[in-house]
Amino acid sequence: MLTNRYLCIMIKEDQEIRNPIENGNHSSYANGLGERYSSTDSVGSQKEKGQFFTPIEIANFMGKQIVTNRTSISILDLGSGIGILSCSLIENITKQNFIRNIKLVVYEIDTAVLKYTKQALEYLKQYLNQKGIELSYVINSKDFVLSNYQALDLQPQVNGG
């Protein structure tokens, strides 16, 4: 249970990222983790992996585009990175006061990013739990398209022989 005003997650012994629990600004927290990760990885390496972290302003804009009156939803994030876009989306939909249960499935091929992804999602899960919203998530460390290519059957279907 989170009892402190601030949640502190240690990234390195000499550095930590702080974010106020009360404001529920998880996309900013995830963005801070992304900046921390980016500072440890070269631009060339990120380009080689096709890695692009959604800028916080874009994530917030996109997150505000979804409106729902459902109490339970499922979200699939095909290239989650740290989870900035997912966090922004979830921040927005939980402000709509209907959601009580969220199932999130994320895919990310860069295994070095996954520890940050897990930190961002755990932070979000604990915060939502305090608000009576259940978040369950699955982190997949594989390529979504390659893992699900069989669903993309491109053979034309012939009816009636």
N, C-alpha and C. Protein backbone atom coordinates (compact mmCIF):
# COMPACT_ATOMS: atom_id res chain seq x y z
N MET A 1 0.85 -1.18 0.00
CA MET A 1 0.00 0.00 0.00
C MET A 1 0.90 1.25 0.00
N LEU A 2 0.50 2.23 -0.75
CA LEU A 2 1.27 3.47 -0.85
C LEU A 2 0.78 4.46 0.20
N THR A 3 1.63 4.77 1.14
CA THR A 3 1.22 5.69 2.19
C THR A 3 1.95 7.01 2.11
N ASN A 4 3.05 7.07 1.38
CA ASN A 4 3.81 8.30 1.26
C ASN A 4 3.17 9.22 0.24
N ARG A 5 3.46 10.50 0.37
CA ARG A 5 3.00 11.47 -0.62
C ARG A 5 3.67 11.21 -1.96
N TYR A 6 4.88 10.71 -1.93
CA TYR A 6 5.63 10.46 -3.15
C TYR A 6 6.03 9.00 -3.22
N LEU A 7 6.00 8.47 -4.42
CA LEU A 7 6.51 7.13 -4.66
C LEU A 7 7.91 7.30 -5.24
N CYS A 8 8.88 6.67 -4.63
CA CYS A 8 10.25 6.76 -5.12
C CYS A 8 10.65 5.39 -5.64
N ILE A 9 11.10 5.33 -6.86
CA ILE A 9 11.59 4.08 -7.42
C ILE A 9 13.05 4.29 -7.77
N MET A 10 13.88 3.44 -7.24
CA MET A 10 15.31 3.57 -7.49
C MET A 10 15.65 3.00 -8.86
N ILE A 11 16.29 3.79 -9.68
CA ILE A 11 16.78 3.34 -10.97
C ILE A 11 18.25 2.97 -10.83
N LYS A 12 19.00 3.83 -10.21
CA LYS A 12 20.39 3.57 -9.85
C LYS A 12 20.52 4.00 -8.40
N GLU A 13 21.53 3.52 -7.75
CA GLU A 13 21.68 3.85 -6.33
C GLU A 13 21.72 5.34 -6.08
N ASP A 14 22.32 6.11 -6.98
CA ASP A 14 22.49 7.54 -6.77
C ASP A 14 21.43 8.39 -7.44
N GLN A 15 20.45 7.76 -8.11
CA GLN A 15 19.44 8.53 -8.81
C GLN A 15 18.07 7.92 -8.55
N GLU A 16 17.07 8.76 -8.43
CA GLU A 16 15.71 8.27 -8.28
C GLU A 16 14.76 9.19 -9.02
N ILE A 17 13.61 8.66 -9.35
CA ILE A 17 12.56 9.43 -10.01
C ILE A 17 11.42 9.54 -9.01
N ARG A 18 10.93 10.75 -8.80
CA ARG A 18 9.83 10.99 -7.86
C ARG A 18 8.64 11.52 -8.65
N ASN A 19 7.49 11.12 -8.20
CA ASN A 19 6.27 11.64 -8.81
C ASN A 19 5.16 11.67 -7.78
N PRO A 20 4.43 12.75 -7.69
CA PRO A 20 3.34 12.81 -6.72
C PRO A 20 2.28 11.74 -7.01
N ILE A 21 1.90 11.00 -6.00
CA ILE A 21 0.86 9.98 -6.12
C ILE A 21 -0.50 10.64 -6.38
N GLU A 22 -0.78 11.72 -5.72
CA GLU A 22 -2.11 12.32 -5.77
C GLU A 22 -2.56 12.72 -7.17
N ASN A 23 -1.64 13.22 -7.99
CA ASN A 23 -2.08 13.76 -9.27
C ASN A 23 -2.31 12.70 -10.34
N GLY A 24 -1.87 11.48 -10.12
CA GLY A 24 -2.12 10.42 -11.09
C GLY A 24 -1.48 10.67 -12.44
N ASN A 25 -0.39 11.39 -12.48
CA ASN A 25 0.26 11.75 -13.74
C ASN A 25 1.28 10.68 -14.13
N HIS A 26 0.77 9.52 -14.50
CA HIS A 26 1.62 8.36 -14.77
C HIS A 26 2.33 8.45 -16.10
N SER A 27 1.75 9.15 -17.07
CA SER A 27 2.44 9.29 -18.35
C SER A 27 3.71 10.12 -18.17
N SER A 28 3.69 11.11 -17.30
CA SER A 28 4.89 11.89 -17.01
C SER A 28 5.93 11.03 -16.30
N TYR A 29 5.48 10.18 -15.41
CA TYR A 29 6.38 9.26 -14.72
C TYR A 29 7.03 8.33 -15.74
N ALA A 30 6.21 7.73 -16.62
CA ALA A 30 6.73 6.84 -17.65
C ALA A 30 7.68 7.59 -18.58
N ASN A 31 7.34 8.83 -18.88
CA ASN A 31 8.21 9.65 -19.73
C ASN A 31 9.57 9.86 -19.06
N GLY A 32 9.58 10.09 -17.75
CA GLY A 32 10.84 10.24 -17.02
C GLY A 32 11.67 8.97 -17.08
N LEU A 33 11.01 7.82 -16.97
CA LEU A 33 11.71 6.55 -17.10
C LEU A 33 12.28 6.39 -18.51
N GLY A 34 11.50 6.81 -19.51
CA GLY A 34 11.97 6.74 -20.91
C GLY A 34 13.18 7.61 -21.14
N GLU A 35 13.16 8.81 -20.56
CA GLU A 35 14.33 9.69 -20.69
C GLU A 35 15.54 9.09 -20.01
N ARG A 36 15.32 8.47 -18.86
CA ARG A 36 16.42 7.81 -18.16
C ARG A 36 17.00 6.68 -19.01
N TYR A 37 16.12 5.85 -19.57
CA TYR A 37 16.58 4.75 -20.41
C TYR A 37 17.31 5.28 -21.65
N SER A 38 16.75 6.29 -22.30
CA SER A 38 17.35 6.85 -23.51
C SER A 38 18.75 7.39 -23.25
N SER A 39 18.98 7.89 -22.06
CA SER A 39 20.31 8.42 -21.74
C SER A 39 21.35 7.31 -21.61
N THR A 40 20.90 6.06 -21.47
CA THR A 40 21.83 4.94 -21.34
C THR A 40 22.01 4.18 -22.64
N ASP A 41 21.23 4.52 -23.67
CA ASP A 41 21.26 3.80 -24.94
C ASP A 41 21.57 4.80 -26.05
N SER A 42 22.40 4.42 -26.99
CA SER A 42 22.79 5.34 -28.06
C SER A 42 21.65 5.53 -29.06
N VAL A 43 21.65 6.69 -29.70
CA VAL A 43 20.65 6.98 -30.73
C VAL A 43 20.75 5.95 -31.85
N GLY A 44 21.98 5.58 -32.21
CA GLY A 44 22.18 4.58 -33.26
C GLY A 44 21.57 3.25 -32.90
N SER A 45 21.72 2.86 -31.66
CA SER A 45 21.14 1.60 -31.19
C SER A 45 19.62 1.66 -31.23
N GLN A 46 19.06 2.81 -30.82
CA GLN A 46 17.61 2.97 -30.84
C GLN A 46 17.08 2.93 -32.27
N LYS A 47 17.79 3.56 -33.20
CA LYS A 47 17.38 3.53 -34.60
C LYS A 47 17.44 2.11 -35.15
N GLU A 48 18.50 1.39 -34.79
CA GLU A 48 18.66 0.01 -35.26
C GLU A 48 17.49 -0.86 -34.81
N LYS A 49 16.99 -0.61 -33.62
CA LYS A 49 15.86 -1.37 -33.07
C LYS A 49 14.51 -0.84 -33.54
N GLY A 50 14.54 0.29 -34.27
CA GLY A 50 13.28 0.92 -34.68
C GLY A 50 12.54 1.50 -33.50
N GLN A 51 13.28 1.93 -32.50
CA GLN A 51 12.70 2.38 -31.25
C GLN A 51 12.39 3.87 -31.29
N PHE A 52 11.17 4.18 -30.92
CA PHE A 52 10.73 5.57 -30.88
C PHE A 52 9.79 5.71 -29.71
N PHE A 53 10.18 6.50 -28.73
CA PHE A 53 9.31 6.73 -27.57
C PHE A 53 8.37 7.88 -27.90
N THR A 54 7.08 7.65 -27.74
CA THR A 54 6.08 8.67 -28.04
C THR A 54 6.31 9.88 -27.15
N PRO A 55 6.45 11.06 -27.75
CA PRO A 55 6.60 12.27 -26.91
C PRO A 55 5.38 12.44 -26.02
N ILE A 56 5.61 12.93 -24.82
CA ILE A 56 4.55 13.05 -23.83
C ILE A 56 3.37 13.88 -24.33
N GLU A 57 3.65 14.94 -25.10
CA GLU A 57 2.57 15.79 -25.62
C GLU A 57 1.67 15.01 -26.59
N ILE A 58 2.28 14.19 -27.43
CA ILE A 58 1.52 13.37 -28.39
C ILE A 58 0.73 12.30 -27.63
N ALA A 59 1.37 11.66 -26.66
CA ALA A 59 0.69 10.63 -25.87
C ALA A 59 -0.53 11.21 -25.16
N ASN A 60 -0.37 12.39 -24.57
CA ASN A 60 -1.50 13.01 -23.87
C ASN A 60 -2.61 13.38 -24.85
N PHE A 61 -2.26 13.90 -26.02
CA PHE A 61 -3.27 14.23 -27.03
C PHE A 61 -4.02 12.97 -27.46
N MET A 62 -3.27 11.90 -27.76
CA MET A 62 -3.90 10.66 -28.20
C MET A 62 -4.75 10.03 -27.09
N GLY A 63 -4.26 10.10 -25.86
CA GLY A 63 -4.99 9.53 -24.73
C GLY A 63 -6.34 10.19 -24.51
N LYS A 64 -6.44 11.46 -24.84
CA LYS A 64 -7.70 12.20 -24.65
C LYS A 64 -8.71 11.94 -25.75
N GLN A 65 -8.33 11.19 -26.78
CA GLN A 65 -9.25 10.94 -27.89
C GLN A 65 -10.24 9.81 -27.60
N ILE A 66 -9.99 9.04 -26.57
CA ILE A 66 -10.84 7.89 -26.26
C ILE A 66 -11.84 8.26 -25.18
N VAL A 67 -13.10 8.02 -25.47
CA VAL A 67 -14.18 8.24 -24.52
C VAL A 67 -14.97 6.94 -24.44
N THR A 68 -15.28 6.51 -23.24
CA THR A 68 -16.04 5.28 -23.09
C THR A 68 -16.95 5.37 -21.87
N ASN A 69 -18.03 4.61 -21.91
CA ASN A 69 -18.90 4.50 -20.74
C ASN A 69 -18.91 3.06 -20.22
N ARG A 70 -17.94 2.28 -20.67
CA ARG A 70 -17.83 0.88 -20.24
C ARG A 70 -17.17 0.82 -18.86
N THR A 71 -17.46 -0.24 -18.12
CA THR A 71 -16.84 -0.43 -16.82
C THR A 71 -15.61 -1.33 -16.90
N SER A 72 -15.49 -2.07 -17.99
CA SER A 72 -14.36 -2.99 -18.17
C SER A 72 -13.86 -2.88 -19.60
N ILE A 73 -12.54 -2.72 -19.76
CA ILE A 73 -11.97 -2.63 -21.10
C ILE A 73 -10.67 -3.42 -21.18
N SER A 74 -10.30 -3.75 -22.42
CA SER A 74 -9.02 -4.39 -22.71
C SER A 74 -8.25 -3.48 -23.66
N ILE A 75 -6.95 -3.36 -23.42
CA ILE A 75 -6.10 -2.50 -24.24
C ILE A 75 -4.92 -3.33 -24.72
N LEU A 76 -4.58 -3.21 -26.00
CA LEU A 76 -3.43 -3.88 -26.59
C LEU A 76 -2.47 -2.82 -27.09
N ASP A 77 -1.25 -2.84 -26.59
CA ASP A 77 -0.21 -1.89 -27.00
C ASP A 77 0.88 -2.70 -27.69
N LEU A 78 0.99 -2.52 -29.01
CA LEU A 78 1.84 -3.38 -29.83
C LEU A 78 3.32 -3.05 -29.78
N GLY A 79 3.68 -1.90 -29.35
CA GLY A 79 5.08 -1.50 -29.21
C GLY A 79 5.17 -0.55 -28.05
N SER A 80 5.07 -1.07 -26.86
CA SER A 80 4.82 -0.23 -25.68
C SER A 80 6.00 0.62 -25.25
N GLY A 81 7.21 0.17 -25.51
CA GLY A 81 8.34 0.89 -24.94
C GLY A 81 8.18 0.94 -23.44
N ILE A 82 8.30 2.11 -22.86
CA ILE A 82 8.15 2.28 -21.42
C ILE A 82 6.69 2.21 -21.00
N GLY A 83 5.78 2.56 -21.89
CA GLY A 83 4.35 2.55 -21.59
C GLY A 83 3.74 3.94 -21.51
N ILE A 84 4.39 4.91 -22.09
CA ILE A 84 3.92 6.30 -22.01
C ILE A 84 2.51 6.43 -22.60
N LEU A 85 2.30 5.88 -23.78
CA LEU A 85 1.00 6.00 -24.44
C LEU A 85 -0.09 5.25 -23.65
N SER A 86 0.20 4.05 -23.20
CA SER A 86 -0.78 3.29 -22.41
C SER A 86 -1.13 4.03 -21.13
N CYS A 87 -0.13 4.57 -20.45
CA CYS A 87 -0.39 5.31 -19.21
C CYS A 87 -1.26 6.53 -19.47
N SER A 88 -0.98 7.24 -20.54
CA SER A 88 -1.77 8.43 -20.85
C SER A 88 -3.22 8.06 -21.16
N LEU A 89 -3.41 7.01 -21.93
CA LEU A 89 -4.75 6.54 -22.25
C LEU A 89 -5.50 6.15 -20.97
N ILE A 90 -4.85 5.39 -20.12
CA ILE A 90 -5.49 4.93 -18.89
C ILE A 90 -5.78 6.11 -17.95
N GLU A 91 -4.87 7.07 -17.87
CA GLU A 91 -5.14 8.28 -17.08
C GLU A 91 -6.42 8.94 -17.54
N ASN A 92 -6.57 9.07 -18.84
CA ASN A 92 -7.75 9.75 -19.39
C ASN A 92 -9.03 8.97 -19.12
N ILE A 93 -9.04 7.69 -19.43
CA ILE A 93 -10.29 6.94 -19.29
C ILE A 93 -10.71 6.75 -17.84
N THR A 94 -9.74 6.75 -16.92
CA THR A 94 -10.14 6.61 -15.51
C THR A 94 -10.71 7.91 -14.96
N LYS A 95 -10.49 9.01 -15.62
CA LYS A 95 -11.11 10.27 -15.21
C LYS A 95 -12.59 10.31 -15.58
N GLN A 96 -13.03 9.40 -16.44
CA GLN A 96 -14.41 9.37 -16.90
C GLN A 96 -15.36 8.69 -15.91
N ASN A 97 -14.82 8.16 -14.81
CA ASN A 97 -15.60 7.62 -13.69
C ASN A 97 -16.47 6.41 -14.00
N PHE A 98 -16.21 5.70 -15.07
CA PHE A 98 -16.96 4.48 -15.35
C PHE A 98 -16.10 3.23 -15.15
N ILE A 99 -14.86 3.31 -15.53
CA ILE A 99 -13.97 2.16 -15.57
C ILE A 99 -13.72 1.60 -14.17
N ARG A 100 -13.82 0.29 -14.04
CA ARG A 100 -13.51 -0.40 -12.80
C ARG A 100 -12.50 -1.52 -13.02
N ASN A 101 -12.32 -1.94 -14.30
CA ASN A 101 -11.43 -3.06 -14.59
C ASN A 101 -10.75 -2.82 -15.93
N ILE A 102 -9.42 -2.89 -15.94
CA ILE A 102 -8.64 -2.68 -17.17
C ILE A 102 -7.70 -3.86 -17.34
N LYS A 103 -7.73 -4.45 -18.52
CA LYS A 103 -6.77 -5.49 -18.90
C LYS A 103 -5.87 -4.91 -19.97
N LEU A 104 -4.59 -4.89 -19.68
CA LEU A 104 -3.60 -4.31 -20.58
C LEU A 104 -2.61 -5.38 -21.01
N VAL A 105 -2.42 -5.52 -22.32
CA VAL A 105 -1.43 -6.43 -22.88
C VAL A 105 -0.46 -5.58 -23.69
N VAL A 106 0.82 -5.65 -23.33
CA VAL A 106 1.83 -4.86 -24.04
C VAL A 106 2.87 -5.79 -24.66
N TYR A 107 3.40 -5.33 -25.78
CA TYR A 107 4.48 -6.03 -26.48
C TYR A 107 5.65 -5.07 -26.60
N GLU A 108 6.84 -5.56 -26.29
CA GLU A 108 8.07 -4.77 -26.44
C GLU A 108 9.23 -5.74 -26.67
N ILE A 109 9.96 -5.53 -27.77
CA ILE A 109 11.04 -6.46 -28.11
C ILE A 109 12.37 -6.12 -27.45
N ASP A 110 12.54 -4.91 -26.97
CA ASP A 110 13.80 -4.51 -26.34
C ASP A 110 13.76 -4.92 -24.87
N THR A 111 14.44 -6.00 -24.55
CA THR A 111 14.39 -6.53 -23.18
C THR A 111 15.00 -5.57 -22.16
N ALA A 112 15.89 -4.68 -22.60
CA ALA A 112 16.48 -3.70 -21.68
C ALA A 112 15.44 -2.68 -21.21
N VAL A 113 14.41 -2.46 -21.99
CA VAL A 113 13.36 -1.50 -21.65
C VAL A 113 12.37 -2.09 -20.65
N LEU A 114 12.25 -3.40 -20.65
CA LEU A 114 11.17 -4.05 -19.91
C LEU A 114 11.18 -3.78 -18.40
N LYS A 115 12.34 -3.60 -17.80
CA LYS A 115 12.34 -3.30 -16.36
C LYS A 115 11.71 -1.95 -16.09
N TYR A 116 11.89 -1.00 -17.01
CA TYR A 116 11.26 0.31 -16.88
C TYR A 116 9.76 0.23 -17.14
N THR A 117 9.38 -0.58 -18.12
CA THR A 117 7.97 -0.79 -18.43
C THR A 117 7.25 -1.35 -17.20
N LYS A 118 7.86 -2.35 -16.60
CA LYS A 118 7.25 -2.96 -15.41
C LYS A 118 7.13 -1.94 -14.27
N GLN A 119 8.15 -1.11 -14.08
CA GLN A 119 8.08 -0.09 -13.03
C GLN A 119 6.93 0.88 -13.29
N ALA A 120 6.80 1.33 -14.53
CA ALA A 120 5.74 2.27 -14.87
C ALA A 120 4.36 1.65 -14.65
N LEU A 121 4.20 0.39 -15.07
CA LEU A 121 2.89 -0.26 -14.94
C LEU A 121 2.57 -0.62 -13.49
N GLU A 122 3.57 -0.98 -12.71
CA GLU A 122 3.33 -1.27 -11.29
C GLU A 122 2.92 0.00 -10.55
N TYR A 123 3.56 1.10 -10.86
CA TYR A 123 3.21 2.38 -10.26
C TYR A 123 1.76 2.72 -10.59
N LEU A 124 1.39 2.56 -11.85
CA LEU A 124 0.03 2.83 -12.29
C LEU A 124 -0.96 1.89 -11.61
N LYS A 125 -0.62 0.61 -11.53
CA LYS A 125 -1.51 -0.37 -10.91
C LYS A 125 -1.78 -0.04 -9.44
N GLN A 126 -0.74 0.33 -8.70
CA GLN A 126 -0.91 0.66 -7.28
C GLN A 126 -1.79 1.89 -7.11
N TYR A 127 -1.58 2.88 -7.94
CA TYR A 127 -2.39 4.10 -7.87
C TYR A 127 -3.86 3.79 -8.17
N LEU A 128 -4.10 3.03 -9.24
CA LEU A 128 -5.48 2.69 -9.62
C LEU A 128 -6.16 1.85 -8.54
N ASN A 129 -5.40 0.96 -7.94
CA ASN A 129 -5.93 0.13 -6.87
C ASN A 129 -6.47 0.99 -5.73
N GLN A 130 -5.78 2.06 -5.40
CA GLN A 130 -6.24 2.97 -4.36
C GLN A 130 -7.55 3.64 -4.74
N LYS A 131 -7.81 3.76 -6.02
CA LYS A 131 -9.04 4.40 -6.51
C LYS A 131 -10.14 3.38 -6.80
N GLY A 132 -9.91 2.11 -6.45
CA GLY A 132 -10.91 1.08 -6.66
C GLY A 132 -10.98 0.58 -8.10
N ILE A 133 -9.91 0.76 -8.86
CA ILE A 133 -9.86 0.31 -10.25
C ILE A 133 -8.82 -0.79 -10.35
N GLU A 134 -9.23 -1.92 -10.90
CA GLU A 134 -8.32 -3.05 -11.04
C GLU A 134 -7.60 -2.98 -12.39
N LEU A 135 -6.28 -3.04 -12.36
CA LEU A 135 -5.46 -3.11 -13.57
C LEU A 135 -4.70 -4.42 -13.54
N SER A 136 -4.91 -5.23 -14.57
CA SER A 136 -4.08 -6.41 -14.75
C SER A 136 -3.33 -6.21 -16.06
N TYR A 137 -2.09 -6.64 -16.08
CA TYR A 137 -1.31 -6.44 -17.29
C TYR A 137 -0.42 -7.64 -17.57
N VAL A 138 -0.10 -7.79 -18.84
CA VAL A 138 0.82 -8.82 -19.31
C VAL A 138 1.85 -8.12 -20.18
N ILE A 139 3.12 -8.37 -19.90
CA ILE A 139 4.21 -7.81 -20.70
C ILE A 139 4.80 -8.94 -21.53
N ASN A 140 4.75 -8.78 -22.85
CA ASN A 140 5.32 -9.77 -23.77
C ASN A 140 6.62 -9.23 -24.35
N SER A 141 7.67 -10.02 -24.26
CA SER A 141 8.97 -9.57 -24.77
C SER A 141 9.23 -10.17 -26.15
N LYS A 142 8.26 -10.02 -27.02
CA LYS A 142 8.41 -10.52 -28.38
C LYS A 142 7.70 -9.60 -29.36
N ASP A 143 7.95 -9.81 -30.61
CA ASP A 143 7.35 -9.01 -31.67
C ASP A 143 5.91 -9.45 -31.89
N PHE A 144 4.98 -8.53 -31.80
CA PHE A 144 3.56 -8.87 -31.93
C PHE A 144 3.25 -9.48 -33.29
N VAL A 145 3.73 -8.88 -34.37
CA VAL A 145 3.41 -9.37 -35.72
C VAL A 145 3.98 -10.77 -35.93
N LEU A 146 5.25 -10.97 -35.57
CA LEU A 146 5.85 -12.29 -35.75
C LEU A 146 5.20 -13.34 -34.87
N SER A 147 4.72 -12.95 -33.72
CA SER A 147 4.07 -13.89 -32.80
C SER A 147 2.65 -14.23 -33.22
N ASN A 148 2.05 -13.40 -34.06
CA ASN A 148 0.65 -13.59 -34.43
C ASN A 148 0.44 -13.63 -35.93
N TYR A 149 1.48 -13.95 -36.67
CA TYR A 149 1.39 -13.93 -38.14
C TYR A 149 0.32 -14.87 -38.67
N GLN A 150 0.05 -15.97 -37.98
CA GLN A 150 -0.95 -16.92 -38.46
C GLN A 150 -2.34 -16.29 -38.53
N ALA A 151 -2.58 -15.26 -37.75
CA ALA A 151 -3.88 -14.57 -37.79
C ALA A 151 -4.00 -13.69 -39.03
N LEU A 152 -2.89 -13.46 -39.70
CA LEU A 152 -2.88 -12.61 -40.88
C LEU A 152 -2.90 -13.46 -42.15
N ASP A 153 -3.75 -14.45 -42.19
CA ASP A 153 -3.86 -15.34 -43.35
C ASP A 153 -4.30 -14.53 -44.56
N LEU A 154 -3.40 -14.39 -45.51
CA LEU A 154 -3.68 -13.56 -46.67
C LEU A 154 -4.19 -14.37 -47.87
N GLN A 155 -4.43 -15.63 -47.68
CA GLN A 155 -4.97 -16.46 -48.75
C GLN A 155 -6.43 -16.11 -49.00
N PRO A 156 -6.79 -15.87 -50.26
CA PRO A 156 -8.20 -15.55 -50.54
C PRO A 156 -9.08 -16.77 -50.26
N GLN A 157 -10.23 -16.51 -49.70
CA GLN A 157 -11.19 -17.57 -49.40
C GLN A 157 -12.12 -17.73 -50.61
N VAL A 158 -12.25 -18.96 -51.07
CA VAL A 158 -13.13 -19.26 -52.22
C VAL A 158 -14.40 -19.88 -51.67
N ASN A 159 -15.53 -19.26 -52.00
CA ASN A 159 -16.83 -19.79 -51.55
C ASN A 159 -17.45 -20.66 -52.62
N GLY A 160 -17.96 -21.77 -52.22
CA GLY A 160 -18.75 -22.61 -53.09
C GLY A 160 -17.94 -23.40 -54.10
N GLY A 161 -16.66 -23.54 -53.93
CA GLY A 161 -15.86 -24.46 -54.69
C GLY A 161 -15.49 -24.13 -56.01
